[in-house]
Structures are given as structure tokens and as C-alpha cells.
Protein backbone atom coordinates (compact mmCIF):
# COMPACT_ATOMS: atom_id res chain seq x y z
CA UNK A 1 0.00 0.00 0.00
CA UNK A 2 1.07 3.60 -0.54
CA UNK A 3 2.10 5.83 2.34
CA UNK A 4 -1.15 7.77 1.85
CA UNK A 5 -3.17 4.57 2.14
CA UNK A 6 -1.29 3.56 5.29
CA UNK A 7 -1.96 6.99 6.78
CA UNK A 8 -5.66 6.68 5.99
CA UNK A 9 -5.74 3.25 7.62
CA UNK A 10 -4.03 4.60 10.72
CA UNK A 11 -6.70 7.29 10.97
CA UNK A 12 -9.51 4.77 10.51
CA UNK A 13 -8.91 2.93 13.79
CA UNK A 14 -8.85 4.10 17.39
CA UNK A 15 -5.88 3.56 19.71
CA UNK A 16 -7.25 0.32 21.17
CA UNK A 17 -7.73 -1.12 17.69
CA UNK A 18 -4.25 -0.05 16.59
CA UNK A 19 -2.83 -1.67 19.72
CA UNK A 20 -4.68 -4.91 18.93
CA UNK A 21 -3.34 -4.81 15.35
CA UNK A 22 0.21 -4.38 16.67
CA UNK A 23 -0.22 -7.35 19.04
CA UNK A 24 -1.75 -9.38 16.21
CA UNK A 25 1.24 -8.60 14.00
CA UNK A 26 3.55 -9.90 16.72
CA UNK A 27 1.63 -13.18 16.82
CA UNK A 28 1.73 -13.45 13.02
CA UNK A 29 5.49 -12.83 13.06
CA UNK A 30 5.88 -15.64 15.60
CA UNK A 31 3.97 -17.98 13.29
CA UNK A 32 6.11 -17.07 10.26
CA UNK A 33 9.36 -17.20 12.25
CA UNK A 34 8.53 -20.68 13.56
CA UNK A 35 8.00 -21.96 10.03
CA UNK A 36 11.22 -20.34 8.82
CA UNK A 37 13.21 -21.79 11.72
CA UNK A 38 11.91 -25.28 10.97
CA UNK A 39 12.72 -25.06 7.26
CA UNK A 40 15.73 -22.75 7.01
CA UNK A 41 17.44 -22.48 10.41
CA UNK A 42 17.34 -25.99 11.82
CA UNK A 43 20.95 -27.18 12.28
CA UNK A 44 19.93 -29.84 14.83
CA UNK A 45 17.32 -31.43 12.54
CA UNK A 46 14.67 -30.74 15.17
CA UNK A 47 11.02 -31.54 14.65
CA UNK A 48 8.73 -28.52 14.95
CA UNK A 49 5.18 -28.27 16.24
CA UNK A 50 3.10 -25.21 15.32
CA UNK A 51 -0.25 -25.06 17.09
CA UNK A 52 -2.80 -22.25 16.81
CA UNK A 53 -6.53 -21.71 16.45
CA UNK A 54 -7.88 -22.64 12.98
CA UNK A 55 -7.96 -20.27 10.04
CA UNK A 56 -4.84 -18.22 10.86
CA UNK A 57 -2.87 -18.98 7.66
CA UNK A 58 -0.55 -21.71 8.98
CA UNK A 59 -0.96 -23.68 5.75
CA UNK A 60 -0.62 -20.61 3.50
CA UNK A 61 2.54 -19.33 5.19
CA UNK A 62 4.05 -22.82 5.06
CA UNK A 63 3.28 -23.12 1.34
CA UNK A 64 5.05 -19.82 0.72
CA UNK A 65 8.08 -20.95 2.71
CA UNK A 66 8.17 -24.33 0.94
CA UNK A 67 8.25 -22.55 -2.42
CA UNK A 68 11.39 -20.73 -1.27
CA UNK A 69 12.85 -23.96 0.09
CA UNK A 70 12.34 -25.80 -3.19
CA UNK A 71 14.06 -22.98 -5.05
CA UNK A 72 17.11 -23.46 -2.84
CA UNK A 73 17.15 -27.26 -2.73
CA UNK A 74 16.94 -29.22 -5.96
CA UNK A 75 17.88 -32.58 -4.40
CA UNK A 76 14.80 -33.39 -2.34
CA UNK A 77 11.24 -32.11 -2.66
CA UNK A 78 9.32 -31.48 0.55
CA UNK A 79 6.51 -33.91 1.27
CA UNK A 80 3.13 -32.54 2.38
CA UNK A 81 0.65 -34.86 4.08
CA UNK A 82 -2.74 -33.29 4.68
CA UNK A 83 -5.36 -34.92 6.89
CA UNK A 84 -4.35 -38.49 6.11
CA UNK A 85 -7.29 -40.91 6.19
CA UNK A 86 -5.76 -43.05 8.93
CA UNK A 87 -2.58 -44.25 10.58
CA UNK A 88 -2.02 -47.01 8.03
CA UNK A 89 -2.19 -44.62 5.06
CA UNK A 90 0.04 -42.19 6.93
CA UNK A 91 2.62 -44.90 7.63
CA UNK A 92 2.69 -45.93 3.98
CA UNK A 93 3.17 -42.29 2.91
CA UNK A 94 6.05 -41.72 5.34
CA UNK A 95 7.77 -44.99 4.43
CA UNK A 96 7.57 -44.11 0.74
CA UNK A 97 8.90 -40.57 1.28
CA UNK A 98 11.91 -41.82 3.24
CA UNK A 99 12.55 -44.61 0.73
CA UNK A 100 12.41 -42.28 -2.27
CA UNK A 101 14.74 -39.80 -0.58
CA UNK A 102 17.48 -42.42 -0.68
CA UNK A 103 18.98 -41.34 2.62
CA UNK A 104 18.99 -37.64 1.78
CA UNK A 105 17.41 -35.19 4.22
CA UNK A 106 13.68 -34.84 3.65
CA UNK A 107 11.21 -32.29 4.99
CA UNK A 108 7.72 -33.57 5.79
CA UNK A 109 4.89 -31.16 6.58
CA UNK A 110 2.01 -32.72 8.50
CA UNK A 111 -1.01 -30.47 8.02
CA UNK A 112 -4.07 -31.27 10.12
CA UNK A 113 -3.03 -34.90 10.69
CA UNK A 114 -4.74 -35.10 14.06
CA UNK A 115 -5.23 -38.85 13.85
CA UNK A 116 -1.61 -39.00 15.05
CA UNK A 117 -2.79 -37.69 18.42
CA UNK A 118 -5.70 -40.06 18.95
CA UNK A 119 -5.34 -42.25 22.04
CA UNK A 120 -4.73 -45.43 20.06
CA UNK A 121 -1.86 -43.85 18.08
CA UNK A 122 -0.09 -41.81 20.73
CA UNK A 123 2.56 -44.40 21.63
CA UNK A 124 3.53 -44.77 17.98
CA UNK A 125 3.59 -41.02 17.50
CA UNK A 126 5.76 -40.38 20.57
CA UNK A 127 8.44 -42.71 19.21
CA UNK A 128 8.58 -40.65 16.02
CA UNK A 129 9.83 -37.68 18.03
CA UNK A 130 11.93 -39.23 20.83
CA UNK A 131 15.52 -40.47 20.53
CA UNK A 132 14.25 -43.54 18.66
CA UNK A 133 13.22 -41.36 15.69
CA UNK A 134 11.41 -44.25 14.03
CA UNK A 135 7.92 -45.02 12.76
CA UNK A 136 7.07 -48.61 13.58
CA UNK A 137 4.41 -50.89 12.14
CA UNK A 138 4.13 -54.05 14.20
CA UNK A 139 1.55 -55.99 12.20
CA UNK A 140 2.01 -58.18 9.12
CA UNK A 141 2.83 -55.55 6.52
CA UNK A 142 2.22 -57.95 3.62
CA UNK A 143 -1.49 -57.62 4.34
CA UNK A 144 -1.14 -54.02 3.10
CA UNK A 145 -0.23 -55.09 -0.44
CA UNK A 146 -3.66 -54.30 -1.87
CA UNK A 147 -3.48 -50.76 -0.42
CA UNK A 148 -0.12 -49.95 -2.01
CA UNK A 149 1.27 -49.06 -5.38
CA UNK A 150 4.30 -51.07 -6.48
CA UNK A 151 6.60 -48.29 -5.28
CA UNK A 152 4.89 -48.04 -1.91
CA UNK A 153 5.10 -51.78 -1.26
CA UNK A 154 8.73 -51.78 -2.36
CA UNK A 155 9.31 -49.09 0.30
CA UNK A 156 7.64 -51.19 3.02
CA UNK A 157 9.70 -54.23 2.07
CA UNK A 158 12.91 -52.20 2.24
CA UNK A 159 12.28 -51.40 5.92
CA UNK A 160 11.28 -54.94 6.91
CA UNK A 161 13.39 -57.88 8.07
CA UNK A 162 12.83 -61.65 7.79
CA UNK A 163 12.64 -62.16 11.56
CA UNK A 164 9.55 -60.00 12.18
CA UNK A 165 6.18 -59.33 10.65
CA UNK A 166 6.28 -55.55 10.62
CA UNK A 167 8.79 -52.89 9.65
CA UNK A 168 10.46 -49.80 11.07
CA UNK A 169 11.06 -46.58 9.13
CA UNK A 170 14.14 -44.64 10.34
CA UNK A 171 13.38 -40.94 10.70
CA UNK A 172 16.76 -39.47 11.59
CA UNK A 173 16.99 -37.79 8.17
CA UNK A 174 13.42 -36.47 8.38
CA UNK A 175 12.45 -33.03 9.62
CA UNK A 176 8.78 -32.83 10.57
CA UNK A 177 6.84 -29.60 10.66
CA UNK A 178 3.49 -30.29 12.31
CA UNK A 179 0.67 -27.81 11.69
CA UNK A 180 -2.29 -28.36 13.97
CA UNK A 181 -5.26 -26.67 15.59
CA UNK A 182 -4.89 -28.92 18.64
CA UNK A 183 -3.63 -27.45 21.91
CA UNK A 184 -0.71 -29.32 23.47
CA UNK A 185 -0.63 -29.21 27.29
CA UNK A 186 2.14 -27.65 29.36
CA UNK A 187 3.53 -29.38 32.44
CA UNK A 188 1.24 -27.18 34.57
CA UNK A 189 -1.75 -28.44 32.57
CA UNK A 190 -0.65 -32.03 33.23
CA UNK A 191 -0.11 -31.49 36.94
CA UNK A 192 -3.52 -29.86 37.32
CA UNK A 193 -5.25 -33.12 36.32
CA UNK A 194 -6.42 -35.67 38.85
CA UNK A 195 -3.80 -38.37 39.19
CA UNK A 196 -4.51 -41.74 37.62
CA UNK A 197 -7.32 -40.49 35.41
CA UNK A 198 -7.62 -41.11 31.71
CA UNK A 199 -7.43 -37.37 31.08
CA UNK A 200 -4.15 -37.10 32.98
CA UNK A 201 -2.72 -39.94 30.88
CA UNK A 202 -3.79 -38.22 27.67
CA UNK A 203 -2.36 -34.89 28.79
CA UNK A 204 0.91 -36.60 29.76
CA UNK A 205 1.27 -38.17 26.31
CA UNK A 206 0.46 -34.94 24.47
CA UNK A 207 2.88 -33.04 26.69
CA UNK A 208 5.56 -35.61 25.83
CA UNK A 209 5.14 -34.74 22.15
CA UNK A 210 5.27 -31.02 22.97
CA UNK A 211 8.57 -31.33 24.87
CA UNK A 212 10.12 -33.57 22.21
CA UNK A 213 9.54 -30.98 19.51
CA UNK A 214 10.39 -27.33 19.07
CA UNK A 215 8.03 -24.62 17.90
CA UNK A 216 5.17 -22.59 19.24
CA UNK A 217 1.71 -22.98 20.69
CA UNK A 218 0.09 -19.70 19.70
CA UNK A 219 -2.80 -18.52 21.82
CA UNK A 220 -4.40 -15.09 22.03
CA UNK A 221 -7.35 -13.29 23.52
CA UNK A 222 -10.25 -12.28 21.29
CA UNK A 223 -9.09 -8.67 20.89
CA UNK A 224 -5.65 -9.76 19.73
CA UNK A 225 -7.27 -12.30 17.42
CA UNK A 226 -9.17 -9.47 15.71
CA UNK A 227 -5.86 -7.57 15.48
CA UNK A 228 -4.21 -10.66 13.96
CA UNK A 229 -6.89 -10.85 11.28
CA UNK A 230 -6.74 -7.09 10.70
CA UNK A 231 -2.96 -7.08 10.30
CA UNK A 232 -3.12 -9.74 7.58
CA UNK A 233 -6.06 -8.08 5.80
CA UNK A 234 -4.18 -4.77 5.72
CA UNK A 235 -0.70 -6.06 4.89
CA UNK A 236 -1.20 -9.21 2.83
CA UNK A 237 -3.28 -9.94 -0.24
CA UNK A 238 -5.95 -12.12 1.31
CA UNK A 239 -8.84 -10.03 -0.07
CA UNK A 240 -7.14 -9.58 -3.44
CA UNK A 241 -7.44 -13.33 -4.09
CA UNK A 242 -11.15 -12.81 -4.64
CA UNK A 243 -11.30 -9.11 -5.53
CA UNK A 244 -8.12 -7.89 -7.25
CA UNK A 245 -9.35 -4.28 -7.18
CA UNK A 246 -10.41 -4.20 -3.53
CA UNK A 247 -9.72 -0.77 -2.00
CA UNK A 248 -8.21 0.09 1.40
CA UNK A 249 -11.59 1.58 2.33
CA UNK A 250 -13.34 -1.71 1.59
CA UNK A 251 -10.82 -3.59 3.74
CA UNK A 252 -11.43 -1.14 6.56
CA UNK A 253 -15.16 -1.63 6.14
CA UNK A 254 -14.76 -5.40 6.58
CA UNK A 255 -12.61 -4.96 9.67
CA UNK A 256 -14.84 -2.36 11.28
CA UNK A 257 -17.91 -4.53 10.70
CA UNK A 258 -16.11 -7.46 12.31
CA UNK A 259 -14.82 -5.42 15.23
CA UNK A 260 -18.30 -4.18 16.11
CA UNK A 261 -19.65 -7.77 16.08
CA UNK A 262 -16.56 -9.79 17.06
CA UNK A 263 -18.34 -11.42 20.00
CA UNK A 264 -21.27 -12.51 17.80
CA UNK A 265 -19.72 -13.85 14.58
CA UNK A 266 -19.96 -17.56 13.80
CA UNK A 267 -16.19 -17.86 13.30
CA UNK A 268 -13.21 -15.67 14.13
CA UNK A 269 -10.54 -16.22 11.51
CA UNK A 270 -9.30 -15.35 8.03
CA UNK A 271 -11.76 -17.73 6.39
CA UNK A 272 -14.57 -15.38 7.40
CA UNK A 273 -12.79 -12.44 5.74
CA UNK A 274 -12.51 -14.47 2.54
CA UNK A 275 -16.24 -15.24 2.61
CA UNK A 276 -17.09 -11.59 3.23
CA UNK A 277 -14.88 -10.51 0.33
CA UNK A 278 -16.63 -12.97 -1.99
CA UNK A 279 -19.97 -11.52 -0.86
CA UNK A 280 -18.79 -8.03 -1.82
CA UNK A 281 -18.05 -9.30 -5.33
CA UNK A 282 -21.28 -11.29 -5.73
CA UNK A 283 -23.62 -8.74 -4.16
CA UNK A 284 -22.08 -5.26 -4.63
CA UNK A 285 -25.34 -3.52 -3.72
CA UNK A 286 -26.39 -5.64 -0.77
CA UNK A 287 -23.40 -7.40 0.76
CA UNK A 288 -23.96 -5.85 4.19
CA UNK A 289 -27.31 -7.59 4.41
CA UNK A 290 -25.65 -10.83 3.33
CA UNK A 291 -23.01 -10.46 6.06
CA UNK A 292 -25.68 -10.85 8.73
CA UNK A 293 -25.67 -14.60 8.05
CA UNK A 294 -22.30 -14.73 9.82
CA UNK A 295 -23.84 -13.67 13.13
CA UNK A 296 -24.98 -16.01 15.86
CA UNK A 297 -28.74 -16.02 16.28
CA UNK A 298 -29.63 -15.26 19.91
């Protein structure tokens, strides 16, 4: 934006709103810096966990960073696994990625793969991130033949041995970047649970994953969340994806509408801004009436 546009934007918001935007920018910088550390400044081959509320551009910022990474590294393409259907499919995907890499370092982005953190999978997942750094499948892997392509089954066979039914995929050359909406407990969260309960056990396992990875768990109050959304609307091209000629005044109108109703909207994230922008394009004369559908009915 031009300096004049930035000045106009500064005049459009009161001091509390500008303060929220500044705090939101700080949170957005943390998100971007975590991704960049995982992909570009990771000399210890650490696995990174990035947790935040949904709809805050974790996937988008990672895609942008991966584009830069691929431009720098022509030897190994990053692998992106999004919401895998189940642990078996996930295991096949990881085994194939490691096999194809031929021992070269490989970056794997796990986007919304929350099945890893289900109770039945937690022990397997923990071993991916502890000193073992291995993904183990302890059943008869030959029963998976019908689920695999020739290359995938070749990968499973390469990690098997004649003296056991399953296989083990070594992960020491793999850097995981985990993008999730799930909150991972701190030690204080664990200790606040009643001892011996199922919830305490679950918290303990999730905390084990948190402490075995680097990264950030990004939380924020509702005012800062509005500021986070506002910062991206004003300084990135989120609205331009759907309206290339959107004006600064129209962006301000979206943000002011949201701010006045922030406690009543059906969702508080960037996805809502995208929907509102589409409404402005579809219904240029009546989009404000359309926006009321995003309010909770009380």
C-alpha cells in the first residue's frame, strides 16, 4: 500500500484497535518465524510443532516458505501430508517418502493430521519424536499389499526384516513440521489433572510430544485475534485473491464490521474475511445484508 493509504488506515482505527493490530502482527510474526526456523534455520534437525486456532494462515505461510525452500534445494522435494485418512495410510506415505529420498534429508509437513494424536496412536507417535526417531508398524505388513502401489510396497519391504512381521522406518533424516489446531498441554496443565485419570494420561502423552519438539503454541485473547486478522487483511493480499481491485476503504469496512460484532460472529478467523470478500463481489449492492448470516442467532 502507498504511504497515503497507510496513513488513511491509521486514521480509521482508534488507539485500542491499533494496539490490537500491533499485538496481532507480533503473533503473526511468531507464526512465520517458527515456520522459517523449521525449514531454514534448523541445524539440529529438530522436529517442529506449530499449534494455533484454525484459520490463521498456517498452511498458507508454510506453502510460501516451501516454495522458497524448493528454489534453494533441488535434491529433495518437501513432502506434504494433509489430513491423512488413517494411521495405516500415513505410515505408507512416510515410508515411501523416506525410501524415495534415498537417505537424503527430507522435509515432511504434516497439516491437520490429528489422527496421530488419537489415544490409540499416541505411543507410535511419541516414538517418532523421541531419541528412537522411528515409525514402527508391528503388524504383518504384507497384508497391506492391496493398499499400495508397487513403489509403496517396495518401500515397506525395504524397511522390513525376515525375523519380524512388521517394519520400522528410520526418521533421523526427516524433519517434521506439524501444523495443527490442537492445543498441546504444558507441564502445569498435566499437573492440574487428577492423578490416575484417563485425562491425565492423555495430557501426559500430548505433553511428551510437545517437549520432544520445538516450535510454538500460539494462543491469544479475542481482541488480539481481531488484530491478527486485521494485520493480515491490511498487509497481505488475502482479499485480493477474490477481488483484485479491492480498495483500502473496503478492507477497513470489513474490519470495522467485524470489530463491532466480534463477539457474535460464527467464526473468528481469516476464512470469514474471505467469505465476506466474496460476498462483496457477488452482491455489490447488498453485501452488508448478506453479512448478517455470519452472526450467531440469539
